[in-house]
Amino acid sequence: VVEPHAVHPRSFELLKVRSRDVLEHIERVVHH
């Protein structure tokens, strides 16, 4: 997404942070 419309830029960055956090949790499950 080049220009995240309908979402505040700060909220969009937090959304990507939360997405990476979910991915990290899944990778922990895979590892265990």
PDB file of all heavy atoms in Angstrom:
ATOM      1  N   VAL A   1       0.851  -1.184   0.000  1.00  0.00           N
ATOM      2  CA  VAL A   1       0.000   0.000   0.000  1.00  0.00           C
ATOM      3  C   VAL A   1       0.894   1.244   0.000  1.00  0.00           C
ATOM      4  O   VAL A   1       1.678   1.467   0.935  1.00  0.00           O
ATOM      5  CB  VAL A   1      -0.942   0.002   1.219  1.00  0.00           C
ATOM      6  CG1 VAL A   1      -1.753   1.292   1.260  1.00  0.00           C
ATOM      7  CG2 VAL A   1      -1.875  -1.202   1.151  1.00  0.00           C
ATOM      8  N   VAL A   2       0.775   2.059  -1.032  1.00  0.00           N
ATOM      9  CA  VAL A   2       1.617   3.257  -1.131  1.00  0.00           C
ATOM     10  C   VAL A   2       1.017   4.404  -0.329  1.00  0.00           C
ATOM     11  O   VAL A   2       1.702   5.061   0.463  1.00  0.00           O
ATOM     12  CB  VAL A   2       1.788   3.663  -2.609  1.00  0.00           C
ATOM     13  CG1 VAL A   2       2.637   4.928  -2.716  1.00  0.00           C
ATOM     14  CG2 VAL A   2       2.413   2.520  -3.398  1.00  0.00           C
ATOM     15  N   GLU A   3      -0.288   4.649  -0.484  1.00  0.00           N
ATOM     16  CA  GLU A   3      -0.968   5.712   0.240  1.00  0.00           C
ATOM     17  C   GLU A   3      -2.163   5.116   0.974  1.00  0.00           C
ATOM     18  O   GLU A   3      -3.223   4.907   0.377  1.00  0.00           O
ATOM     19  CB  GLU A   3      -1.434   6.803  -0.722  1.00  0.00           C
ATOM     20  CG  GLU A   3      -0.298   7.537  -1.409  1.00  0.00           C
ATOM     21  CD  GLU A   3      -0.812   8.629  -2.309  1.00  0.00           C
ATOM     22  OE1 GLU A   3      -2.048   8.765  -2.402  1.00  0.00           O
ATOM     23  OE2 GLU A   3       0.011   9.342  -2.910  1.00  0.00           O
ATOM     24  N   PRO A   4      -2.006   4.783   2.231  1.00  0.00           N
ATOM     25  CA  PRO A   4      -3.098   4.156   2.980  1.00  0.00           C
ATOM     26  C   PRO A   4      -4.269   5.110   3.177  1.00  0.00           C
ATOM     27  O   PRO A   4      -4.249   5.973   4.046  1.00  0.00           O
ATOM     28  CB  PRO A   4      -2.442   3.791   4.316  1.00  0.00           C
ATOM     29  CG  PRO A   4      -1.281   4.726   4.448  1.00  0.00           C
ATOM     30  CD  PRO A   4      -0.801   4.994   3.053  1.00  0.00           C
ATOM     31  N   HIS A   5      -5.306   4.973   2.335  1.00  0.00           N
ATOM     32  CA  HIS A   5      -6.475   5.835   2.458  1.00  0.00           C
ATOM     33  C   HIS A   5      -7.406   5.262   3.515  1.00  0.00           C
ATOM     34  O   HIS A   5      -7.385   4.070   3.814  1.00  0.00           O
ATOM     35  CB  HIS A   5      -7.210   5.923   1.120  1.00  0.00           C
ATOM     36  CG  HIS A   5      -7.644   4.578   0.601  1.00  0.00           C
ATOM     37  ND1 HIS A   5      -6.771   3.725   0.000  1.00  0.00           N
ATOM     38  CD2 HIS A   5      -8.850   3.974   0.614  1.00  0.00           C
ATOM     39  CE1 HIS A   5      -7.411   2.627  -0.358  1.00  0.00           C
ATOM     40  NE2 HIS A   5      -8.678   2.747   0.008  1.00  0.00           N
ATOM     41  N   ALA A   6      -8.212   6.111   4.066  1.00  0.00           N
ATOM     42  CA  ALA A   6      -9.232   5.754   5.079  1.00  0.00           C
ATOM     43  C   ALA A   6      -8.608   5.311   6.399  1.00  0.00           C
ATOM     44  O   ALA A   6      -9.303   4.856   7.276  1.00  0.00           O
ATOM     45  CB  ALA A   6     -10.181   4.672   4.558  1.00  0.00           C
ATOM     46  N   VAL A   7      -7.315   5.421   6.522  1.00  0.00           N
ATOM     47  CA  VAL A   7      -6.656   5.044   7.766  1.00  0.00           C
ATOM     48  C   VAL A   7      -5.612   6.104   8.074  1.00  0.00           C
ATOM     49  O   VAL A   7      -4.853   6.518   7.196  1.00  0.00           O
ATOM     50  CB  VAL A   7      -5.982   3.651   7.668  1.00  0.00           C
ATOM     51  CG1 VAL A   7      -5.310   3.303   8.984  1.00  0.00           C
ATOM     52  CG2 VAL A   7      -7.005   2.585   7.294  1.00  0.00           C
ATOM     53  N   HIS A   8      -5.567   6.539   9.318  1.00  0.00           N
ATOM     54  CA  HIS A   8      -4.560   7.506   9.737  1.00  0.00           C
ATOM     55  C   HIS A   8      -3.174   6.874   9.597  1.00  0.00           C
ATOM     56  O   HIS A   8      -2.989   5.710   9.923  1.00  0.00           O
ATOM     57  CB  HIS A   8      -4.823   7.920  11.181  1.00  0.00           C
ATOM     58  CG  HIS A   8      -4.015   9.101  11.599  1.00  0.00           C
ATOM     59  ND1 HIS A   8      -2.726   8.982  12.070  1.00  0.00           N
ATOM     60  CD2 HIS A   8      -4.310  10.439  11.616  1.00  0.00           C
ATOM     61  CE1 HIS A   8      -2.261  10.190  12.365  1.00  0.00           C
ATOM     62  NE2 HIS A   8      -3.200  11.079  12.108  1.00  0.00           N
ATOM     63  N   PRO A   9      -2.167   7.632   9.098  1.00  0.00           N
ATOM     64  CA  PRO A   9      -0.840   7.040   8.915  1.00  0.00           C
ATOM     65  C   PRO A   9      -0.289   6.391  10.182  1.00  0.00           C
ATOM     66  O   PRO A   9       0.327   5.327  10.119  1.00  0.00           O
ATOM     67  CB  PRO A   9       0.011   8.238   8.478  1.00  0.00           C
ATOM     68  CG  PRO A   9      -0.962   9.166   7.835  1.00  0.00           C
ATOM     69  CD  PRO A   9      -2.240   9.020   8.598  1.00  0.00           C
ATOM     70  N   ARG A  10      -0.502   7.056  11.339  1.00  0.00           N
ATOM     71  CA  ARG A  10      -0.010   6.467  12.584  1.00  0.00           C
ATOM     72  C   ARG A  10      -0.719   5.145  12.866  1.00  0.00           C
ATOM     73  O   ARG A  10      -0.080   4.150  13.244  1.00  0.00           O
ATOM     74  CB  ARG A  10      -0.247   7.452  13.739  1.00  0.00           C
ATOM     75  CG  ARG A  10       0.092   6.914  15.115  1.00  0.00           C
ATOM     76  CD  ARG A  10       1.561   6.580  15.239  1.00  0.00           C
ATOM     77  NE  ARG A  10       1.893   6.146  16.577  1.00  0.00           N
ATOM     78  CZ  ARG A  10       3.059   5.634  16.941  1.00  0.00           C
ATOM     79  NH1 ARG A  10       4.030   5.502  16.032  1.00  0.00           N
ATOM     80  NH2 ARG A  10       3.287   5.269  18.181  1.00  0.00           N
ATOM     81  N   SER A  11      -2.017   5.088  12.655  1.00  0.00           N
ATOM     82  CA  SER A  11      -2.771   3.855  12.860  1.00  0.00           C
ATOM     83  C   SER A  11      -2.335   2.774  11.879  1.00  0.00           C
ATOM     84  O   SER A  11      -2.301   1.582  12.219  1.00  0.00           O
ATOM     85  CB  SER A  11      -4.271   4.116  12.715  1.00  0.00           C
ATOM     86  OG  SER A  11      -4.714   5.060  13.663  1.00  0.00           O
ATOM     87  N   PHE A  12      -1.991   3.198  10.663  1.00  0.00           N
ATOM     88  CA  PHE A  12      -1.529   2.233   9.671  1.00  0.00           C
ATOM     89  C   PHE A  12      -0.206   1.602  10.085  1.00  0.00           C
ATOM     90  O   PHE A  12      -0.004   0.385   9.923  1.00  0.00           O
ATOM     91  CB  PHE A  12      -1.402   2.919   8.310  1.00  0.00           C
ATOM     92  CG  PHE A  12      -1.105   1.978   7.185  1.00  0.00           C
ATOM     93  CD1 PHE A  12      -2.096   1.161   6.665  1.00  0.00           C
ATOM     94  CD2 PHE A  12       0.169   1.914   6.644  1.00  0.00           C
ATOM     95  CE1 PHE A  12      -1.818   0.286   5.623  1.00  0.00           C
ATOM     96  CE2 PHE A  12       0.453   1.052   5.605  1.00  0.00           C
ATOM     97  CZ  PHE A  12      -0.541   0.232   5.093  1.00  0.00           C
ATOM     98  N   GLU A  13       0.697   2.403  10.652  1.00  0.00           N
ATOM     99  CA  GLU A  13       1.961   1.855  11.146  1.00  0.00           C
ATOM    100  C   GLU A  13       1.723   0.899  12.314  1.00  0.00           C
ATOM    101  O   GLU A  13       2.353  -0.164  12.408  1.00  0.00           O
ATOM    102  CB  GLU A  13       2.888   2.996  11.565  1.00  0.00           C
ATOM    103  CG  GLU A  13       3.427   3.825  10.430  1.00  0.00           C
ATOM    104  CD  GLU A  13       4.260   2.994   9.459  1.00  0.00           C
ATOM    105  OE1 GLU A  13       4.992   2.092   9.931  1.00  0.00           O
ATOM    106  OE2 GLU A  13       4.162   3.237   8.247  1.00  0.00           O
ATOM    107  N   LEU A  14       0.813   1.276  13.211  1.00  0.00           N
ATOM    108  CA  LEU A  14       0.495   0.376  14.325  1.00  0.00           C
ATOM    109  C   LEU A  14      -0.134  -0.915  13.825  1.00  0.00           C
ATOM    110  O   LEU A  14       0.069  -1.987  14.418  1.00  0.00           O
ATOM    111  CB  LEU A  14      -0.455   1.080  15.301  1.00  0.00           C
ATOM    112  CG  LEU A  14       0.134   2.258  16.074  1.00  0.00           C
ATOM    113  CD1 LEU A  14      -0.936   2.911  16.954  1.00  0.00           C
ATOM    114  CD2 LEU A  14       1.314   1.807  16.941  1.00  0.00           C
ATOM    115  N   LEU A  15      -0.903  -0.822  12.754  1.00  0.00           N
ATOM    116  CA  LEU A  15      -1.510  -2.016  12.164  1.00  0.00           C
ATOM    117  C   LEU A  15      -0.429  -2.969  11.649  1.00  0.00           C
ATOM    118  O   LEU A  15      -0.512  -4.189  11.854  1.00  0.00           O
ATOM    119  CB  LEU A  15      -2.444  -1.607  11.032  1.00  0.00           C
ATOM    120  CG  LEU A  15      -3.285  -2.719  10.389  1.00  0.00           C
ATOM    121  CD1 LEU A  15      -4.261  -3.307  11.389  1.00  0.00           C
ATOM    122  CD2 LEU A  15      -4.027  -2.181   9.176  1.00  0.00           C
ATOM    123  N   LYS A  16       0.589  -2.431  11.011  1.00  0.00           N
ATOM    124  CA  LYS A  16       1.683  -3.276  10.531  1.00  0.00           C
ATOM    125  C   LYS A  16       2.477  -3.860  11.695  1.00  0.00           C
ATOM    126  O   LYS A  16       2.908  -5.015  11.637  1.00  0.00           O
ATOM    127  CB  LYS A  16       2.594  -2.473   9.601  1.00  0.00           C
ATOM    128  CG  LYS A  16       1.922  -2.064   8.293  1.00  0.00           C
ATOM    129  CD  LYS A  16       2.932  -1.698   7.224  1.00  0.00           C
ATOM    130  CE  LYS A  16       3.614  -0.385   7.521  1.00  0.00           C
ATOM    131  NZ  LYS A  16       4.476   0.056   6.388  1.00  0.00           N
ATOM    132  N   VAL A  17       2.629  -3.076  12.763  1.00  0.00           N
ATOM    133  CA  VAL A  17       3.313  -3.596  13.950  1.00  0.00           C
ATOM    134  C   VAL A  17       2.530  -4.756  14.553  1.00  0.00           C
ATOM    135  O   VAL A  17       3.089  -5.800  14.916  1.00  0.00           O
ATOM    136  CB  VAL A  17       3.530  -2.473  14.985  1.00  0.00           C
ATOM    137  CG1 VAL A  17       4.019  -3.052  16.311  1.00  0.00           C
ATOM    138  CG2 VAL A  17       4.523  -1.440  14.462  1.00  0.00           C
ATOM    139  N   ARG A  18       1.210  -4.588  14.666  1.00  0.00           N
ATOM    140  CA  ARG A  18       0.377  -5.661  15.221  1.00  0.00           C
ATOM    141  C   ARG A  18       0.421  -6.895  14.318  1.00  0.00           C
ATOM    142  O   ARG A  18       0.431  -8.020  14.804  1.00  0.00           O
ATOM    143  CB  ARG A  18      -1.062  -5.174  15.396  1.00  0.00           C
ATOM    144  CG  ARG A  18      -1.957  -6.174  16.119  1.00  0.00           C
ATOM    145  CD  ARG A  18      -3.350  -5.613  16.316  1.00  0.00           C
ATOM    146  NE  ARG A  18      -3.359  -4.492  17.242  1.00  0.00           N
ATOM    147  CZ  ARG A  18      -3.400  -4.623  18.567  1.00  0.00           C
ATOM    148  NH1 ARG A  18      -3.416  -5.837  19.112  1.00  0.00           N
ATOM    149  NH2 ARG A  18      -3.426  -3.563  19.342  1.00  0.00           N
ATOM    150  N   SER A  19       0.456  -6.692  13.014  1.00  0.00           N
ATOM    151  CA  SER A  19       0.537  -7.821  12.080  1.00  0.00           C
ATOM    152  C   SER A  19       1.834  -8.589  12.278  1.00  0.00           C
ATOM    153  O   SER A  19       1.844  -9.832  12.305  1.00  0.00           O
ATOM    154  CB  SER A  19       0.427  -7.320  10.641  1.00  0.00           C
ATOM    155  OG  SER A  19      -0.794  -6.654  10.419  1.00  0.00           O
ATOM    156  N   ARG A  20       2.938  -7.863  12.424  1.00  0.00           N
ATOM    157  CA  ARG A  20       4.217  -8.543  12.636  1.00  0.00           C
ATOM    158  C   ARG A  20       4.245  -9.249  13.983  1.00  0.00           C
ATOM    159  O   ARG A  20       4.863 -10.316  14.124  1.00  0.00           O
ATOM    160  CB  ARG A  20       5.362  -7.529  12.528  1.00  0.00           C
ATOM    161  CG  ARG A  20       5.603  -7.027  11.106  1.00  0.00           C
ATOM    162  CD  ARG A  20       6.921  -6.274  10.999  1.00  0.00           C
ATOM    163  NE  ARG A  20       6.894  -5.025  11.753  1.00  0.00           N
ATOM    164  CZ  ARG A  20       6.549  -3.848  11.236  1.00  0.00           C
ATOM    165  NH1 ARG A  20       6.199  -3.759   9.969  1.00  0.00           N
ATOM    166  NH2 ARG A  20       6.560  -2.750  11.974  1.00  0.00           N
ATOM    167  N   ASP A  21       3.558  -8.679  14.973  1.00  0.00           N
ATOM    168  CA  ASP A  21       3.494  -9.322  16.283  1.00  0.00           C
ATOM    169  C   ASP A  21       2.714 -10.646  16.201  1.00  0.00           C
ATOM    170  O   ASP A  21       3.134 -11.655  16.782  1.00  0.00           O
ATOM    171  CB  ASP A  21       2.821  -8.385  17.283  1.00  0.00           C
ATOM    172  CG  ASP A  21       2.724  -8.985  18.676  1.00  0.00           C
ATOM    173  OD1 ASP A  21       3.780  -9.150  19.328  1.00  0.00           O
ATOM    174  OD2 ASP A  21       1.596  -9.305  19.109  1.00  0.00           O
ATOM    175  N   VAL A  22       1.601 -10.648  15.469  1.00  0.00           N
ATOM    176  CA  VAL A  22       0.844 -11.887  15.275  1.00  0.00           C
ATOM    177  C   VAL A  22       1.700 -12.921  14.549  1.00  0.00           C
ATOM    178  O   VAL A  22       1.717 -14.109  14.911  1.00  0.00           O
ATOM    179  CB  VAL A  22      -0.453 -11.602  14.500  1.00  0.00           C
ATOM    180  CG1 VAL A  22      -1.137 -12.915  14.102  1.00  0.00           C
ATOM    181  CG2 VAL A  22      -1.399 -10.761  15.333  1.00  0.00           C
ATOM    182  N   LEU A  23       2.428 -12.478  13.523  1.00  0.00           N
ATOM    183  CA  LEU A  23       3.300 -13.391  12.790  1.00  0.00           C
ATOM    184  C   LEU A  23       4.372 -13.980  13.701  1.00  0.00           C
ATOM    185  O   LEU A  23       4.673 -15.186  13.632  1.00  0.00           O
ATOM    186  CB  LEU A  23       3.943 -12.658  11.613  1.00  0.00           C
ATOM    187  CG  LEU A  23       4.902 -13.485  10.749  1.00  0.00           C
ATOM    188  CD1 LEU A  23       4.168 -14.646  10.084  1.00  0.00           C
ATOM    189  CD2 LEU A  23       5.565 -12.608   9.696  1.00  0.00           C
ATOM    190  N   GLU A  24       4.921 -13.149  14.571  1.00  0.00           N
ATOM    191  CA  GLU A  24       5.956 -13.643  15.506  1.00  0.00           C
ATOM    192  C   GLU A  24       5.376 -14.681  16.455  1.00  0.00           C
ATOM    193  O   GLU A  24       6.032 -15.683  16.763  1.00  0.00           O
ATOM    194  CB  GLU A  24       6.537 -12.453  16.270  1.00  0.00           C
ATOM    195  CG  GLU A  24       7.765 -12.788  17.105  1.00  0.00           C
ATOM    196  CD  GLU A  24       7.396 -13.230  18.520  1.00  0.00           C
ATOM    197  OE1 GLU A  24       6.308 -12.837  18.986  1.00  0.00           O
ATOM    198  OE2 GLU A  24       8.194 -13.953  19.147  1.00  0.00           O
ATOM    199  N   HIS A  25       4.152 -14.490  16.921  1.00  0.00           N
ATOM    200  CA  HIS A  25       3.511 -15.468  17.798  1.00  0.00           C
ATOM    201  C   HIS A  25       3.283 -16.788  17.067  1.00  0.00           C
ATOM    202  O   HIS A  25       3.481 -17.871  17.640  1.00  0.00           O
ATOM    203  CB  HIS A  25       2.186 -14.912  18.312  1.00  0.00           C
ATOM    204  CG  HIS A  25       2.355 -13.885  19.383  1.00  0.00           C
ATOM    205  ND1 HIS A  25       1.294 -13.353  20.089  1.00  0.00           N
ATOM    206  CD2 HIS A  25       3.458 -13.280  19.883  1.00  0.00           C
ATOM    207  CE1 HIS A  25       1.737 -12.484  20.967  1.00  0.00           C
ATOM    208  NE2 HIS A  25       3.048 -12.413  20.854  1.00  0.00           N
ATOM    209  N   ILE A  26       2.859 -16.704  15.814  1.00  0.00           N
ATOM    210  CA  ILE A  26       2.654 -17.932  15.046  1.00  0.00           C
ATOM    211  C   ILE A  26       3.974 -18.663  14.849  1.00  0.00           C
ATOM    212  O   ILE A  26       4.041 -19.900  14.949  1.00  0.00           O
ATOM    213  CB  ILE A  26       2.000 -17.602  13.686  1.00  0.00           C
ATOM    214  CG1 ILE A  26       0.593 -17.042  13.900  1.00  0.00           C
ATOM    215  CG2 ILE A  26       1.942 -18.836  12.800  1.00  0.00           C
ATOM    216  CD1 ILE A  26      -0.079 -16.581  12.629  1.00  0.00           C
ATOM    217  N   GLU A  27       5.042 -17.919  14.577  1.00  0.00           N
ATOM    218  CA  GLU A  27       6.350 -18.557  14.408  1.00  0.00           C
ATOM    219  C   GLU A  27       6.814 -19.221  15.702  1.00  0.00           C
ATOM    220  O   GLU A  27       7.462 -20.274  15.670  1.00  0.00           O
ATOM    221  CB  GLU A  27       7.373 -17.514  13.942  1.00  0.00           C
ATOM    222  CG  GLU A  27       7.140 -17.060  12.510  1.00  0.00           C
ATOM    223  CD  GLU A  27       8.100 -15.980  12.085  1.00  0.00           C
ATOM    224  OE1 GLU A  27       8.732 -15.361  12.985  1.00  0.00           O
ATOM    225  OE2 GLU A  27       8.223 -15.728  10.868  1.00  0.00           O
ATOM    226  N   ARG A  28       6.471 -18.623  16.840  1.00  0.00           N
ATOM    227  CA  ARG A  28       6.781 -19.277  18.116  1.00  0.00           C
ATOM    228  C   ARG A  28       6.034 -20.593  18.241  1.00  0.00           C
ATOM    229  O   ARG A  28       6.593 -21.606  18.694  1.00  0.00           O
ATOM    230  CB  ARG A  28       6.417 -18.351  19.274  1.00  0.00           C
ATOM    231  CG  ARG A  28       7.400 -17.215  19.511  1.00  0.00           C
ATOM    232  CD  ARG A  28       6.877 -16.268  20.571  1.00  0.00           C
ATOM    233  NE  ARG A  28       6.489 -16.968  21.799  1.00  0.00           N
ATOM    234  CZ  ARG A  28       5.755 -16.434  22.756  1.00  0.00           C
ATOM    235  NH1 ARG A  28       5.300 -15.204  22.614  1.00  0.00           N
ATOM    236  NH2 ARG A  28       5.481 -17.110  23.839  1.00  0.00           N
ATOM    237  N   VAL A  29       4.755 -20.588  17.845  1.00  0.00           N
ATOM    238  CA  VAL A  29       3.978 -21.834  17.903  1.00  0.00           C
ATOM    239  C   VAL A  29       4.604 -22.886  16.988  1.00  0.00           C
ATOM    240  O   VAL A  29       4.741 -24.055  17.368  1.00  0.00           O
ATOM    241  CB  VAL A  29       2.511 -21.567  17.513  1.00  0.00           C
ATOM    242  CG1 VAL A  29       1.740 -22.875  17.448  1.00  0.00           C
ATOM    243  CG2 VAL A  29       1.848 -20.631  18.509  1.00  0.00           C
ATOM    244  N   VAL A  30       4.980 -22.483  15.768  1.00  0.00           N
ATOM    245  CA  VAL A  30       5.604 -23.423  14.837  1.00  0.00           C
ATOM    246  C   VAL A  30       6.880 -23.993  15.430  1.00  0.00           C
ATOM    247  O   VAL A  30       7.134 -25.213  15.366  1.00  0.00           O
ATOM    248  CB  VAL A  30       5.897 -22.726  13.487  1.00  0.00           C
ATOM    249  CG1 VAL A  30       6.724 -23.620  12.577  1.00  0.00           C
ATOM    250  CG2 VAL A  30       4.595 -22.344  12.799  1.00  0.00           C
ATOM    251  N   HIS A  31       7.693 -23.129  16.030  1.00  0.00           N
ATOM    252  CA  HIS A  31       8.944 -23.580  16.632  1.00  0.00           C
ATOM    253  C   HIS A  31       8.687 -24.593  17.742  1.00  0.00           C
ATOM    254  O   HIS A  31       9.346 -25.649  17.800  1.00  0.00           O
ATOM    255  CB  HIS A  31       9.708 -22.369  17.176  1.00  0.00           C
ATOM    256  CG  HIS A  31      10.904 -22.729  18.006  1.00  0.00           C
ATOM    257  ND1 HIS A  31      12.069 -23.223  17.465  1.00  0.00           N
ATOM    258  CD2 HIS A  31      11.107 -22.678  19.359  1.00  0.00           C
ATOM    259  CE1 HIS A  31      12.942 -23.456  18.432  1.00  0.00           C
ATOM    260  NE2 HIS A  31      12.389 -23.137  19.582  1.00  0.00           N
ATOM    261  N   HIS A  32       7.728 -24.296  18.619  1.00  0.00           N
ATOM    262  CA  HIS A  32       7.460 -25.205  19.733  1.00  0.00           C
ATOM    263  C   HIS A  32       6.831 -26.518  19.255  1.00  0.00           C
ATOM    264  O   HIS A  32       7.141 -27.580  19.792  1.00  0.00           O
ATOM    265  CB  HIS A  32       6.549 -24.524  20.747  1.00  0.00           C
ATOM    266  CG  HIS A  32       7.207 -23.415  21.509  1.00  0.00           C
ATOM    267  ND1 HIS A  32       8.348 -23.601  22.264  1.00  0.00           N
ATOM    268  CD2 HIS A  32       6.898 -22.094  21.630  1.00  0.00           C
ATOM    269  CE1 HIS A  32       8.707 -22.454  22.829  1.00  0.00           C
ATOM    270  NE2 HIS A  32       7.846 -21.534  22.450  1.00  0.00           N
TER     271      HIS A  32
END
